[in-house]
Amino acid sequence: MSTQINKTIIALKETQAPETPLCAYIYDLAALTRHATEMMQVLPKNCELYYASKANPEEQILNALAPIVDGFEAASGGELAWLHQCQPQVPLIFGGPGKLVSELEQAIELGVEAIHVESLTELNRIAEICQQKEKNCQILLRMNISLQGLPATKLTMGGKPTPFGLSENELADALAMVKASSHIKLLGFHFHLMSHQLDRQVHLALMKLYFNTFITWKKRYALDVNLLNVGGGIGIDYANPEQRFDWRLFCQELDVLIEESQLSAVKIRFECGRYVTADCGFYVMQVLDIKHNHGQYFAVGHGGTHHFRTPAAQNHDHPFFIVNGEPEKEIEGGFSSIKINQEAVTLVGQLCTPKDVLATQQYVEKLQIGDYLVFTQAGAYAWNISHQNFLMHAPPRVQFI
């Protein structure tokens, strides 16, 4: 893969002004479609995979995934409109807290597969909209339940006080509201208590908790529901890129759990984002300067966290590799570009903040001005979550291969 990235970098460099340093996102669509296809192939037969578009909503990414996954998940009216514009035939589900009334109206008009209801207030608004418009709507109730002793991840969405989902003590009231509306159909429940999950066994235990809760509520409330959305949350180990969540083995073990739980007739829906697209993306910064400051080396790249916020947001040193560039020409007077060999170097961007750091004190064999820093696993929660207008730098180039 590095060879293909090298060729793409050279091609990009040749198509811009020689004096302009390169800054770009490169997305490998072939790798993306291969990975998504493999994910789908090993799912248990009663499971679905929806793509959580918040991870990366680039149109080319959506176009590549549309023929493979079962649908897309949106978390705003803007995402709903964009997804429908790009792929009008793909089924949509609509989640997220704080939905505007106008967004609920939009989802109902579009006829989305389901709205994930986050509160009693939201459920009441849906009921009023459906009655006024004389339209029907399918929903899932998003529930925030106890983790019952399961270890949390670094980003836990439930099992504790959060803005997400209904508490279990609100379930009876929610079911009564659904029953009182002739326009609302309850399909089932949505659970998403953890994100950044790296431990397969813990995630399997989480699925068991979801399954047992679903079975208990069906019996307790005599519910005729057959859809369980188990969210996403499969993580990427940026600190140790070779350590990967074993999706294939997880699905094999999940299949056994489904049989043991007698849930083969229930549709189990995943909505994954980061795990689907992270590995298909690369962020490239060309080195502008190398400095030695208070005993440490710093490489300043053309770009930064305003383009690639992932390492700052997740508080990690992002994995990278180096592609040799054209060495800077010698400056009149004999001063040549700084080169470092077998040193630790901190990789930073161009922003006027000490937080513009992508990796801290990383060992490099050699590095010089003009080389390219290529950050891997940059295909999810990267460009689209960055503070793009800070300092008003030009955006990175984007290349799909």
Protein backbone atom coordinates (compact mmCIF):
# COMPACT_ATOMS: atom_id res chain seq x y z
CA MET A 1 0.00 0.00 0.00
CA SER A 2 2.84 2.43 0.77
CA THR A 3 4.03 2.11 -2.85
CA GLN A 4 0.62 3.21 -4.12
CA ILE A 5 0.57 6.11 -1.66
CA ASN A 6 4.05 7.13 -2.83
CA LYS A 7 2.89 7.19 -6.45
CA THR A 8 -0.21 9.18 -5.53
CA ILE A 9 1.87 11.73 -3.62
CA ILE A 10 4.18 12.17 -6.61
CA ALA A 11 1.20 12.56 -8.95
CA LEU A 12 -0.41 15.15 -6.68
CA LYS A 13 2.82 17.08 -6.36
CA GLU A 14 3.22 17.19 -10.13
CA THR A 15 -0.20 18.79 -10.56
CA GLN A 16 0.38 21.80 -8.30
CA ALA A 17 2.76 24.75 -8.24
CA PRO A 18 6.32 23.57 -7.45
CA GLU A 19 6.72 26.09 -4.65
CA THR A 20 3.51 24.94 -2.88
CA PRO A 21 4.06 22.24 -0.21
CA LEU A 22 1.68 19.30 -0.37
CA CYS A 23 -1.16 18.74 2.06
CA ALA A 24 -3.75 16.13 1.15
CA TYR A 25 -6.17 13.41 2.11
CA ILE A 26 -5.86 10.20 0.13
CA TYR A 27 -8.65 7.62 0.27
CA ASP A 28 -8.23 4.04 -0.96
CA LEU A 29 -11.68 3.08 -2.22
CA ALA A 30 -10.64 -0.44 -3.24
CA ALA A 31 -9.47 -1.16 0.31
CA LEU A 32 -12.70 0.31 1.67
CA THR A 33 -14.98 -1.83 -0.48
CA ARG A 34 -12.92 -4.94 0.25
CA HIS A 35 -13.08 -4.36 4.01
CA ALA A 36 -16.82 -3.54 4.03
CA THR A 37 -17.58 -6.61 1.91
CA GLU A 38 -15.63 -8.83 4.31
CA MET A 39 -17.54 -7.35 7.24
CA MET A 40 -20.86 -8.12 5.59
CA GLN A 41 -19.87 -11.64 4.57
CA VAL A 42 -19.19 -12.83 8.11
CA LEU A 43 -22.24 -11.30 9.79
CA PRO A 44 -24.71 -13.82 11.24
CA LYS A 45 -27.62 -14.31 8.86
CA ASN A 46 -30.12 -12.31 10.94
CA CYS A 47 -27.80 -9.31 11.31
CA GLU A 48 -27.60 -6.08 9.31
CA LEU A 49 -24.88 -3.46 8.96
CA TYR A 50 -25.74 0.22 8.55
CA TYR A 51 -22.95 2.71 7.96
CA ALA A 52 -22.80 5.56 10.50
CA SER A 53 -22.11 8.37 8.05
CA LYS A 54 -20.85 10.77 10.73
CA ALA A 55 -17.53 8.90 10.54
CA ASN A 56 -16.92 10.06 6.96
CA PRO A 57 -19.69 11.44 4.73
CA GLU A 58 -17.59 12.06 1.58
CA GLU A 59 -19.77 11.37 -1.45
CA GLN A 60 -17.26 8.92 -2.96
CA ILE A 61 -17.16 7.01 0.34
CA LEU A 62 -20.95 6.78 0.36
CA ASN A 63 -21.01 5.70 -3.29
CA ALA A 64 -18.51 2.93 -2.57
CA LEU A 65 -20.43 1.64 0.45
CA ALA A 66 -23.98 1.95 -0.90
CA PRO A 67 -24.00 -1.36 -2.83
CA ILE A 68 -22.46 -3.23 0.11
CA VAL A 69 -24.10 -2.19 3.39
CA ASP A 70 -27.77 -2.46 4.33
CA GLY A 71 -28.26 1.27 4.84
CA PHE A 72 -26.93 4.52 6.27
CA GLU A 73 -27.38 6.13 9.67
CA ALA A 74 -27.81 9.91 9.95
CA ALA A 75 -27.55 12.02 13.10
CA SER A 76 -28.78 15.41 11.82
CA GLY A 77 -31.08 16.94 9.27
CA GLY A 78 -28.04 17.96 7.26
CA GLU A 79 -26.83 14.36 7.12
CA LEU A 80 -30.32 13.15 6.21
CA ALA A 81 -30.50 15.57 3.27
CA TRP A 82 -26.96 14.77 2.12
CA LEU A 83 -27.39 11.00 2.31
CA HIS A 84 -30.70 11.15 0.47
CA GLN A 85 -29.17 13.40 -2.18
CA CYS A 86 -26.17 11.14 -2.74
CA GLN A 87 -27.92 7.78 -2.51
CA PRO A 88 -31.72 8.23 -2.60
CA GLN A 89 -32.35 4.48 -2.85
CA VAL A 90 -30.42 3.52 0.30
CA PRO A 91 -32.48 2.96 3.50
CA LEU A 92 -31.90 5.57 6.22
CA ILE A 93 -32.21 5.56 9.99
CA PHE A 94 -32.15 8.76 12.06
CA GLY A 95 -30.56 9.03 15.51
CA GLY A 96 -28.90 11.51 17.82
CA PRO A 97 -30.04 13.76 20.70
CA GLY A 98 -31.55 17.20 20.31
CA LYS A 99 -33.40 16.64 17.04
CA LEU A 100 -35.15 19.76 15.79
CA VAL A 101 -38.87 19.59 15.08
CA SER A 102 -38.03 20.48 11.48
CA GLU A 103 -35.60 17.55 11.35
CA LEU A 104 -38.22 15.15 12.70
CA GLU A 105 -40.61 16.44 10.06
CA GLN A 106 -37.92 15.92 7.44
CA ALA A 107 -37.32 12.32 8.54
CA ILE A 108 -41.03 11.53 8.53
CA GLU A 109 -41.49 13.07 5.07
CA LEU A 110 -38.54 11.03 3.77
CA GLY A 111 -40.06 7.86 5.20
CA VAL A 112 -36.88 6.75 7.00
CA GLU A 113 -36.67 3.17 8.17
CA ALA A 114 -36.75 4.26 11.80
CA ILE A 115 -36.23 7.23 14.09
CA HIS A 116 -34.26 6.49 17.25
CA VAL A 117 -36.20 8.24 19.98
CA GLU A 118 -33.99 9.85 22.64
CA SER A 119 -36.56 11.24 25.10
CA LEU A 120 -40.23 11.41 26.02
CA THR A 121 -40.30 14.98 24.71
CA GLU A 122 -39.03 13.82 21.34
CA LEU A 123 -41.56 11.00 21.26
CA ASN A 124 -44.36 13.47 21.97
CA ARG A 125 -43.15 15.73 19.14
CA ILE A 126 -43.13 12.79 16.73
CA ALA A 127 -46.68 11.88 17.73
CA GLU A 128 -47.87 15.46 17.15
CA ILE A 129 -46.15 15.72 13.76
CA CYS A 130 -47.58 12.40 12.60
CA GLN A 131 -51.08 13.40 13.68
CA GLN A 132 -50.87 16.81 12.00
CA LYS A 133 -49.48 15.40 8.76
CA GLU A 134 -51.52 12.18 8.92
CA LYS A 135 -48.36 10.19 8.32
CA ASN A 136 -47.05 7.04 9.95
CA CYS A 137 -43.63 6.61 11.51
CA GLN A 138 -41.54 3.69 12.71
CA ILE A 139 -39.39 4.15 15.79
CA LEU A 140 -36.87 2.50 18.06
CA LEU A 141 -36.58 3.58 21.68
CA ARG A 142 -32.97 4.34 22.55
CA MET A 143 -32.38 3.14 26.09
CA ASN A 144 -29.65 3.99 28.59
CA ILE A 145 -29.35 0.95 30.85
CA SER A 146 -26.86 -0.09 33.53
CA LEU A 147 -23.64 -1.72 32.34
CA GLN A 148 -24.02 -4.24 35.19
CA GLY A 149 -20.33 -4.35 36.01
CA LEU A 150 -18.96 -4.43 32.46
CA PRO A 151 -15.75 -2.39 32.04
CA ALA A 152 -16.24 0.94 30.29
CA THR A 153 -14.25 2.21 27.32
CA LYS A 154 -12.60 5.64 27.09
CA LEU A 155 -15.82 6.90 25.47
CA THR A 156 -18.86 5.54 27.26
CA MET A 157 -22.26 6.68 26.03
CA GLY A 158 -24.47 4.99 28.64
CA GLY A 159 -24.63 2.99 31.82
CA LYS A 160 -24.25 6.32 33.65
CA PRO A 161 -25.84 9.80 33.48
CA THR A 162 -25.51 11.00 29.86
CA PRO A 163 -27.64 13.01 27.39
CA PHE A 164 -28.28 9.83 25.39
CA GLY A 165 -31.41 7.71 25.49
CA LEU A 166 -34.25 7.12 27.93
CA SER A 167 -33.82 5.76 31.43
CA GLU A 168 -35.41 2.39 32.12
CA ASN A 169 -37.85 4.03 34.54
CA GLU A 170 -39.26 6.00 31.57
CA LEU A 171 -39.97 2.91 29.47
CA ALA A 172 -43.52 2.31 30.69
CA ASP A 173 -44.49 5.92 29.92
CA ALA A 174 -42.89 5.70 26.47
CA LEU A 175 -44.77 2.50 25.66
CA ALA A 176 -48.02 4.10 26.79
CA MET A 177 -47.39 7.07 24.48
CA VAL A 178 -46.73 4.75 21.54
CA LYS A 179 -49.91 2.81 22.28
CA ALA A 180 -51.91 6.06 22.38
CA SER A 181 -50.79 7.04 18.87
CA SER A 182 -52.31 5.36 15.83
CA HIS A 183 -49.47 6.68 13.65
CA ILE A 184 -46.41 5.37 15.52
CA LYS A 185 -45.13 1.82 15.25
CA LEU A 186 -42.55 0.58 17.73
CA LEU A 187 -40.10 -1.75 15.96
CA GLY A 188 -37.83 -2.42 18.93
CA PHE A 189 -34.98 -0.93 20.93
CA HIS A 190 -31.67 0.78 20.30
CA PHE A 191 -28.69 0.38 22.63
CA HIS A 192 -25.35 2.14 22.21
CA LEU A 193 -23.56 2.31 25.55
CA MET A 194 -19.90 2.26 24.50
CA SER A 195 -17.62 3.52 21.76
CA HIS A 196 -13.91 2.80 21.07
CA GLN A 197 -14.33 -0.84 22.02
CA LEU A 198 -11.09 -2.79 21.52
CA ASP A 199 -11.86 -5.89 23.61
CA ARG A 200 -13.81 -8.49 21.65
CA GLN A 201 -14.89 -10.46 24.71
CA VAL A 202 -16.18 -7.36 26.51
CA HIS A 203 -18.15 -6.37 23.43
CA LEU A 204 -19.61 -9.86 23.22
CA ALA A 205 -20.63 -9.57 26.89
CA LEU A 206 -22.26 -6.24 26.04
CA MET A 207 -24.25 -7.96 23.28
CA LYS A 208 -25.40 -10.55 25.82
CA LEU A 209 -26.58 -7.75 28.12
CA TYR A 210 -28.53 -6.20 25.24
CA PHE A 211 -30.05 -9.55 24.30
CA ASN A 212 -31.13 -10.37 27.85
CA THR A 213 -32.66 -6.92 28.32
CA PHE A 214 -34.52 -7.18 25.01
CA ILE A 215 -35.93 -10.61 25.93
CA THR A 216 -36.94 -9.44 29.43
CA TRP A 217 -38.78 -6.37 28.15
CA LYS A 218 -40.60 -8.30 25.44
CA LYS A 219 -42.00 -10.66 28.07
CA ARG A 220 -42.64 -8.04 30.76
CA TYR A 221 -44.56 -5.68 28.48
CA ALA A 222 -45.97 -8.29 26.05
CA LEU A 223 -44.31 -6.56 23.10
CA ASP A 224 -44.49 -7.70 19.50
CA VAL A 225 -41.14 -6.24 18.43
CA ASN A 226 -38.43 -7.94 16.40
CA LEU A 227 -35.68 -5.38 15.80
CA LEU A 228 -32.71 -4.78 18.07
CA ASN A 229 -30.20 -2.09 17.13
CA VAL A 230 -26.95 -2.76 19.00
CA GLY A 231 -25.15 0.38 17.80
CA GLY A 232 -21.54 0.40 16.72
CA GLY A 233 -18.60 1.33 18.89
CA ILE A 234 -15.95 -1.00 17.46
CA GLY A 235 -12.69 0.84 18.01
CA ILE A 236 -9.37 1.43 16.29
CA ASP A 237 -6.20 1.07 18.34
CA TYR A 238 -4.29 4.10 17.08
CA ALA A 239 -1.53 3.53 19.62
CA ASN A 240 -0.96 0.00 18.34
CA PRO A 241 -2.18 -0.17 14.72
CA GLU A 242 -1.28 -3.83 14.30
CA GLN A 243 -3.64 -4.76 17.13
CA ARG A 244 -7.04 -5.00 15.45
CA PHE A 245 -10.51 -5.91 16.64
CA ASP A 246 -11.18 -9.38 15.22
CA TRP A 247 -14.53 -8.78 13.53
CA ARG A 248 -14.62 -12.24 11.93
CA LEU A 249 -14.15 -14.09 15.21
CA PHE A 250 -16.53 -11.71 16.97
CA CYS A 251 -19.24 -12.54 14.42
CA GLN A 252 -18.64 -16.27 14.83
CA GLU A 253 -19.03 -15.97 18.59
CA LEU A 254 -22.02 -13.66 18.15
CA ASP A 255 -23.73 -16.28 15.99
CA VAL A 256 -23.41 -18.80 18.83
CA LEU A 257 -24.78 -16.25 21.32
CA ILE A 258 -27.76 -15.53 19.07
CA GLU A 259 -28.60 -19.25 18.93
CA GLU A 260 -28.20 -19.65 22.68
CA SER A 261 -30.43 -16.61 23.29
CA GLN A 262 -33.06 -17.92 20.84
CA LEU A 263 -32.99 -14.65 18.90
CA SER A 264 -32.56 -16.07 15.39
CA ALA A 265 -35.94 -14.61 14.37
CA VAL A 266 -34.98 -11.13 15.60
CA LYS A 267 -33.28 -8.68 13.24
CA ILE A 268 -30.08 -7.44 14.88
CA ARG A 269 -28.74 -4.23 13.38
CA PHE A 270 -25.24 -2.79 13.73
CA GLU A 271 -24.42 0.82 12.85
CA CYS A 272 -20.65 1.05 12.55
CA GLY A 273 -18.64 4.02 11.31
CA ARG A 274 -15.03 4.31 12.48
CA TYR A 275 -14.29 0.61 12.04
CA VAL A 276 -15.62 0.70 8.47
CA THR A 277 -13.65 3.63 7.05
CA ALA A 278 -10.66 4.42 9.30
CA ASP A 279 -8.14 2.26 7.45
CA CYS A 280 -9.00 3.59 3.99
CA GLY A 281 -7.75 7.14 4.68
CA PHE A 282 -4.31 8.78 4.75
CA TYR A 283 -3.48 12.36 5.70
CA VAL A 284 -0.30 13.78 4.14
CA MET A 285 1.69 16.80 5.36
CA GLN A 286 4.88 17.95 3.69
CA VAL A 287 7.56 19.04 6.17
CA LEU A 288 8.11 22.82 6.12
CA ASP A 289 10.64 23.18 8.90
CA ILE A 290 12.62 21.20 11.45
CA LYS A 291 13.50 22.96 14.70
CA HIS A 292 15.48 22.13 17.83
CA ASN A 293 13.85 23.77 20.81
CA HIS A 294 14.69 23.24 24.51
CA GLY A 295 16.34 19.92 23.76
CA GLN A 296 13.66 18.48 21.48
CA TYR A 297 13.17 18.31 17.71
CA PHE A 298 9.96 19.55 16.10
CA ALA A 299 8.90 18.93 12.50
CA VAL A 300 6.41 21.52 11.28
CA GLY A 301 4.15 20.17 8.55
CA HIS A 302 1.98 21.91 5.96
CA GLY A 303 -1.35 21.26 7.68
CA GLY A 304 -2.25 20.34 11.23
CA THR A 305 -5.17 19.58 13.52
CA HIS A 306 -7.41 22.06 11.67
CA HIS A 307 -7.36 19.42 8.92
CA PHE A 308 -6.80 16.30 10.99
CA ARG A 309 -8.18 16.64 14.51
CA THR A 310 -8.25 12.92 15.29
CA PRO A 311 -5.06 12.70 17.42
CA ALA A 312 -5.92 15.81 19.41
CA ALA A 313 -9.52 14.67 19.91
CA GLN A 314 -8.50 11.17 20.98
CA ASN A 315 -5.35 12.29 22.85
CA HIS A 316 -2.93 9.88 21.18
CA ASP A 317 0.19 9.88 19.04
CA HIS A 318 -1.07 9.08 15.58
CA PRO A 319 0.67 6.35 13.54
CA PHE A 320 2.56 7.56 10.47
CA PHE A 321 5.27 6.74 7.98
CA ILE A 322 7.64 8.92 5.98
CA VAL A 323 7.88 9.26 2.23
CA ASN A 324 11.08 10.87 0.98
CA GLY A 325 10.53 14.19 -0.75
CA GLU A 326 12.66 16.54 -2.76
CA PRO A 327 15.35 18.02 -0.48
CA GLU A 328 15.21 21.78 -0.12
CA LYS A 329 17.70 23.61 -2.30
CA GLU A 330 20.74 25.00 -0.55
CA ILE A 331 20.27 28.59 0.50
CA GLU A 332 22.80 31.23 -0.52
CA GLY A 333 25.52 31.53 2.07
CA GLY A 334 25.96 27.81 2.59
CA PHE A 335 23.01 27.17 4.94
CA SER A 336 21.38 23.86 4.05
CA SER A 337 18.17 22.29 5.29
CA ILE A 338 18.22 20.68 8.70
CA LYS A 339 18.24 16.90 8.60
CA ILE A 340 17.80 14.62 11.56
CA ASN A 341 18.89 11.03 11.83
CA GLN A 342 17.88 8.47 14.45
CA GLU A 343 16.17 11.05 16.63
CA ALA A 344 12.87 11.55 18.42
CA VAL A 345 10.74 14.29 16.86
CA THR A 346 7.36 15.85 17.62
CA LEU A 347 5.12 16.31 14.58
CA VAL A 348 3.15 19.56 14.61
CA GLY A 349 1.14 21.73 12.26
CA GLN A 350 0.94 25.42 11.41
CA LEU A 351 -1.56 26.61 14.01
CA CYS A 352 -0.85 29.25 16.65
CA THR A 353 -1.55 26.87 19.50
CA PRO A 354 0.62 24.34 21.37
CA LYS A 355 -2.21 21.84 20.97
CA ASP A 356 -1.56 21.50 17.24
CA VAL A 357 0.28 18.21 17.76
CA LEU A 358 -0.22 15.02 15.78
CA ALA A 359 2.45 12.85 17.44
CA THR A 360 4.90 13.52 20.26
CA GLN A 361 8.57 12.49 20.38
CA GLN A 362 8.42 9.73 17.80
CA TYR A 363 11.62 7.99 16.70
CA VAL A 364 12.56 8.44 13.04
CA GLU A 365 15.50 6.98 11.14
CA LYS A 366 15.83 10.17 9.10
CA LEU A 367 13.77 13.21 8.24
CA GLN A 368 14.42 16.40 6.31
CA ILE A 369 12.52 19.40 5.03
CA GLY A 370 10.52 18.42 1.95
CA ASP A 371 9.71 14.88 3.18
CA TYR A 372 6.10 13.76 3.50
CA LEU A 373 4.50 12.69 6.79
CA VAL A 374 1.78 10.17 5.95
CA PHE A 375 -0.68 9.55 8.80
CA THR A 376 -2.50 6.24 8.46
CA GLN A 377 -5.99 5.29 9.71
CA ALA A 378 -7.25 8.74 8.78
CA GLY A 379 -10.48 7.67 7.10
CA ALA A 380 -12.86 8.31 10.00
CA TYR A 381 -13.60 11.29 12.27
CA ALA A 382 -10.78 13.25 10.67
CA TRP A 383 -11.37 16.05 8.15
CA ASN A 384 -15.10 16.22 8.93
CA ILE A 385 -14.59 16.82 12.68
CA SER A 386 -11.75 19.34 12.35
CA HIS A 387 -11.92 23.08 13.12
CA GLN A 388 -11.40 23.81 9.43
CA ASN A 389 -11.72 27.60 9.49
CA PHE A 390 -9.28 28.30 12.30
CA LEU A 391 -6.57 30.65 10.91
CA MET A 392 -8.25 30.31 7.49
CA HIS A 393 -5.59 28.05 6.01
CA ALA A 394 -6.37 26.49 2.63
CA PRO A 395 -8.05 23.08 2.80
CA PRO A 396 -6.11 19.91 1.98
CA ARG A 397 -6.37 18.40 -1.46
CA VAL A 398 -8.48 15.25 -1.71
CA GLN A 399 -7.62 12.28 -3.89
CA PHE A 400 -9.55 9.02 -4.26
CA ILE A 401 -7.64 6.03 -5.56
